[in-house]
Amino acid sequence: MNIKQFAHLMPILVMLILSAAACGQTPEEGICGDEVCDEAEQANPALCPQDCAGGGGGGGGDDDSSSDDGTSGGDDWWAEVTWGCDLTENGEDHWTVDIIYEFNVGSDDQIRGSGTGEGRQVSCTRPGCESCSLTLDPFTVSISGLKQDEYFSIQMDPEYNMEQYLTCNGVTNGGRVYQLDLCKCQPGGPHDITIEAEEGGYTEFECPVPGGTAMGWITIHQGEP
């Protein structure tokens, strides 16, 4: 082959070499627009911004964000409550219960929880009656509320039943009674308690109820009982 013939073939050889190189190149070797942020593009994202838009390799990286409706996670707390009802100004009932409930303060600052109560001191008197017996069943409480700055605003809604028997003038009457509104600070509704949102937070509460007074105190703790 003489020089003239070689000069004519040179452009063809160059094209063949370039084509072979392109066919042998993998996506990891730097093709912009392949949606893969390779090592060179990670080192210098300006080389191909569209490949590295997700901030990581392998096609833009994973999205670690997740939806949070506020009902998961958060902080766990529990509370000790002594709740009493004094209707003795009408010559009627007096009782005290101990309540323990757990609650969670979600990422949305909403308070949610529940618990149980047991009668600790129960007594009753009635004018003109020889005897009065009162039994308070174990009961449940529903907890709701809101964290507001450094305070918890807690609503405690107890649901409870009683057995009450009176012997008056030799006649005994009584039975099981569902006390929907008796000794609730808001008839038909919950008790509202505001307490500092800290370990050992303590407050007392008192409110008038028909025929007497409801009162008590509450201490809160972090974690579980």
Protein backbone atom coordinates (compact mmCIF):
# COMPACT_ATOMS: atom_id res chain seq x y z
CA MET A 1 0.00 0.00 0.00
CA ASN A 2 1.45 3.36 -1.01
CA ILE A 3 1.16 6.62 0.90
CA LYS A 4 -1.69 7.90 -1.25
CA GLN A 5 -3.81 4.79 -0.65
CA PHE A 6 -3.13 4.98 3.13
CA ALA A 7 -4.18 8.60 3.22
CA HIS A 8 -7.52 7.68 1.64
CA LEU A 9 -8.11 4.91 4.21
CA MET A 10 -7.13 6.96 7.28
CA PRO A 11 -10.55 8.61 7.85
CA ILE A 12 -12.25 5.21 7.68
CA LEU A 13 -9.86 3.73 10.26
CA VAL A 14 -10.44 6.63 12.63
CA MET A 15 -14.22 6.18 12.42
CA LEU A 16 -13.91 2.45 13.10
CA ILE A 17 -11.75 3.06 16.19
CA LEU A 18 -14.18 5.63 17.61
CA SER A 19 -17.16 3.34 16.99
CA ALA A 20 -15.48 0.45 18.77
CA ALA A 21 -14.71 2.64 21.76
CA ALA A 22 -18.29 3.82 22.01
CA CYS A 23 -19.66 0.26 21.82
CA GLY A 24 -17.39 -0.86 24.66
CA GLN A 25 -18.32 1.95 27.03
CA THR A 26 -20.61 1.07 29.98
CA PRO A 27 -23.05 3.45 31.72
CA GLU A 28 -20.73 3.58 34.69
CA GLU A 29 -18.01 5.10 32.50
CA GLY A 30 -19.69 8.46 32.20
CA ILE A 31 -22.58 8.74 29.76
CA CYS A 32 -24.53 11.82 30.73
CA GLY A 33 -28.26 11.27 30.75
CA ASP A 34 -28.20 7.57 31.70
CA GLU A 35 -29.81 8.37 35.10
CA VAL A 36 -26.75 6.92 36.85
CA CYS A 37 -24.62 9.23 38.98
CA ASP A 38 -21.26 7.48 38.55
CA GLU A 39 -18.07 8.13 40.50
CA ALA A 40 -16.86 10.93 38.23
CA GLU A 41 -20.27 12.64 38.33
CA GLN A 42 -20.48 12.27 42.11
CA ALA A 43 -17.06 13.88 42.44
CA ASN A 44 -18.16 16.73 40.18
CA PRO A 45 -22.00 16.90 39.95
CA ALA A 46 -21.67 19.74 37.45
CA LEU A 47 -20.56 17.21 34.84
CA CYS A 48 -24.11 15.93 34.57
CA PRO A 49 -26.63 17.54 36.96
CA GLN A 50 -29.57 15.51 35.66
CA ASP A 51 -27.91 12.22 36.62
CA CYS A 52 -27.05 13.38 40.15
CA ALA A 53 -30.21 15.36 40.89
CA GLY A 54 -31.26 12.80 43.54
CA GLY A 55 -28.07 13.25 45.53
CA GLY A 56 -26.80 9.67 45.22
CA GLY A 57 -25.69 6.94 42.85
CA GLY A 58 -27.77 4.32 41.14
CA GLY A 59 -30.31 6.55 39.46
CA GLY A 60 -30.83 9.45 41.84
CA GLY A 61 -30.69 7.71 45.24
CA ASP A 62 -33.42 6.65 47.64
CA ASP A 63 -36.02 8.93 49.14
CA ASP A 64 -35.84 8.42 52.90
CA SER A 65 -38.74 10.75 53.67
CA SER A 66 -41.92 9.14 54.98
CA SER A 67 -45.34 10.48 55.79
CA ASP A 68 -46.13 11.09 59.45
CA ASP A 69 -49.71 11.59 60.57
CA GLY A 70 -48.59 12.25 64.13
CA THR A 71 -49.93 9.01 65.56
CA SER A 72 -46.65 7.09 65.56
CA GLY A 73 -43.47 7.67 67.51
CA GLY A 74 -43.50 10.57 69.90
CA ASP A 75 -42.87 10.44 73.65
CA ASP A 76 -44.40 7.97 76.10
CA TRP A 77 -45.65 9.15 79.50
CA TRP A 78 -47.81 7.81 82.30
CA ALA A 79 -49.82 9.40 85.06
CA GLU A 80 -50.92 8.66 88.61
CA VAL A 81 -54.25 10.21 89.50
CA THR A 82 -56.25 10.33 92.70
CA TRP A 83 -59.79 11.39 91.93
CA GLY A 84 -62.41 11.97 94.58
CA CYS A 85 -66.07 12.82 94.74
CA ASP A 86 -67.59 14.41 97.83
CA LEU A 87 -71.36 14.77 97.87
CA THR A 88 -71.59 14.85 101.65
CA GLU A 89 -72.98 18.38 101.69
CA ASN A 90 -76.19 16.72 100.58
CA GLY A 91 -75.65 13.92 103.09
CA GLU A 92 -74.87 11.48 100.34
CA ASP A 93 -71.77 9.81 98.92
CA HIS A 94 -68.03 10.14 99.23
CA TRP A 95 -65.51 8.07 97.31
CA THR A 96 -61.92 8.19 96.08
CA VAL A 97 -60.28 6.20 93.30
CA ASP A 98 -56.72 5.66 92.11
CA ILE A 99 -56.16 5.84 88.38
CA ILE A 100 -53.10 4.97 86.29
CA TYR A 101 -53.07 5.76 82.61
CA GLU A 102 -50.49 5.85 79.85
CA PHE A 103 -50.39 8.45 77.12
CA ASN A 104 -48.32 9.36 74.09
CA VAL A 105 -47.44 12.83 72.83
CA GLY A 106 -47.22 12.51 69.05
CA SER A 107 -45.16 14.50 66.61
CA ASP A 108 -48.31 16.57 65.99
CA ASP A 109 -48.37 17.46 69.73
CA GLN A 110 -51.64 15.57 70.15
CA ILE A 111 -52.04 13.56 73.37
CA ARG A 112 -53.62 10.12 73.14
CA GLY A 113 -53.97 7.39 75.74
CA SER A 114 -56.08 5.27 78.07
CA GLY A 115 -55.97 3.66 81.48
CA THR A 116 -57.86 2.02 84.32
CA GLY A 117 -59.08 3.00 87.78
CA GLU A 118 -59.71 1.14 91.02
CA GLY A 119 -61.76 2.19 94.03
CA ARG A 120 -59.55 2.94 97.05
CA GLN A 121 -61.88 4.54 99.57
CA VAL A 122 -65.61 4.27 99.15
CA SER A 123 -68.32 5.30 101.61
CA CYS A 124 -71.80 6.69 101.56
CA THR A 125 -74.40 8.03 103.94
CA ARG A 126 -77.99 9.09 103.44
CA PRO A 127 -80.15 11.10 105.85
CA GLY A 128 -82.85 8.93 107.41
CA CYS A 129 -81.28 5.67 106.31
CA GLU A 130 -79.85 3.02 108.58
CA SER A 131 -77.12 1.92 106.22
CA CYS A 132 -75.59 2.67 102.87
CA SER A 133 -73.14 0.54 100.92
CA LEU A 134 -71.35 1.62 97.79
CA THR A 135 -69.09 -0.44 95.50
CA LEU A 136 -67.24 1.22 92.66
CA ASP A 137 -66.34 -1.14 89.81
CA PRO A 138 -62.97 -1.00 88.06
CA PHE A 139 -63.32 1.44 85.20
CA THR A 140 -61.58 2.84 82.15
CA VAL A 141 -60.50 6.34 81.22
CA SER A 142 -59.92 7.78 77.77
CA ILE A 143 -57.17 10.40 77.44
CA SER A 144 -56.85 13.15 74.86
CA GLY A 145 -55.34 16.62 74.77
CA LEU A 146 -52.57 18.78 73.38
CA LYS A 147 -49.01 19.75 74.23
CA GLN A 148 -48.81 23.53 74.38
CA ASP A 149 -45.30 24.92 74.83
CA GLU A 150 -44.14 23.64 78.25
CA TYR A 151 -47.53 22.34 79.35
CA PHE A 152 -49.82 19.39 78.72
CA SER A 153 -53.51 20.15 78.45
CA ILE A 154 -55.04 16.75 79.27
CA GLN A 155 -58.68 15.71 79.06
CA MET A 156 -59.53 12.67 81.18
CA ASP A 157 -62.90 11.11 80.45
CA PRO A 158 -63.77 8.33 82.96
CA GLU A 159 -66.45 5.73 82.36
CA TYR A 160 -67.53 3.93 85.49
CA ASN A 161 -70.30 1.94 87.13
CA MET A 162 -71.40 1.60 90.75
CA GLU A 163 -73.42 -0.73 92.88
CA GLN A 164 -75.27 1.11 95.61
CA TYR A 165 -77.64 -0.29 98.22
CA LEU A 166 -79.57 1.77 100.79
CA THR A 167 -81.50 0.49 103.77
CA CYS A 168 -83.99 3.12 104.79
CA ASN A 169 -86.81 2.52 107.29
CA GLY A 170 -86.12 -1.19 107.13
CA VAL A 171 -86.37 -1.35 103.34
CA THR A 172 -83.34 -2.04 101.17
CA ASN A 173 -83.19 -0.74 97.63
CA GLY A 174 -80.44 -0.29 95.10
CA GLY A 175 -78.55 -1.92 92.32
CA ARG A 176 -76.07 -1.19 89.59
CA VAL A 177 -75.97 2.41 88.43
CA TYR A 178 -74.13 3.83 85.41
CA GLN A 179 -72.83 7.20 86.52
CA LEU A 180 -72.65 9.15 83.28
CA ASP A 181 -72.32 12.65 84.71
CA LEU A 182 -71.91 12.21 88.46
CA CYS A 183 -68.73 13.90 89.73
CA LYS A 184 -67.50 14.99 86.31
CA CYS A 185 -66.25 18.56 86.18
CA GLN A 186 -68.10 18.99 82.91
CA PRO A 187 -71.39 17.10 82.79
CA GLY A 188 -71.20 14.60 79.95
CA GLY A 189 -67.60 15.56 79.22
CA PRO A 190 -64.03 15.10 80.40
CA HIS A 191 -61.97 16.63 83.16
CA ASP A 192 -59.55 19.29 81.85
CA ILE A 193 -56.13 19.27 83.53
CA THR A 194 -53.19 21.54 82.74
CA ILE A 195 -49.81 20.33 83.99
CA GLU A 196 -46.16 21.12 83.36
CA ALA A 197 -44.68 18.80 80.74
CA GLU A 198 -41.81 17.50 82.85
CA GLU A 199 -40.84 14.43 84.87
CA GLY A 200 -42.67 14.57 88.19
CA GLY A 201 -45.03 17.30 87.03
CA TYR A 202 -47.80 17.72 89.61
CA THR A 203 -51.05 19.58 89.86
CA GLU A 204 -54.29 19.52 91.85
CA PHE A 205 -57.77 20.07 90.51
CA GLU A 206 -61.17 20.82 91.98
CA CYS A 207 -64.51 21.72 90.50
CA PRO A 208 -68.10 22.02 91.65
CA VAL A 209 -70.50 19.28 90.61
CA PRO A 210 -74.21 18.91 91.34
CA GLY A 211 -74.54 18.28 95.05
CA GLY A 212 -70.88 18.54 95.94
CA THR A 213 -67.30 18.73 94.74
CA ALA A 214 -64.96 16.68 92.56
CA MET A 215 -61.29 16.98 93.38
CA GLY A 216 -57.98 15.25 92.98
CA TRP A 217 -54.32 15.45 92.06
CA ILE A 218 -52.13 14.09 89.29
CA THR A 219 -48.43 13.32 88.87
CA ILE A 220 -46.89 12.49 85.49
CA HIS A 221 -43.76 10.50 84.62
CA GLN A 222 -41.81 9.80 81.45
CA GLY A 223 -41.62 6.30 80.00
CA GLU A 224 -43.80 3.42 81.12
CA PRO A 225 -45.15 2.51 84.59
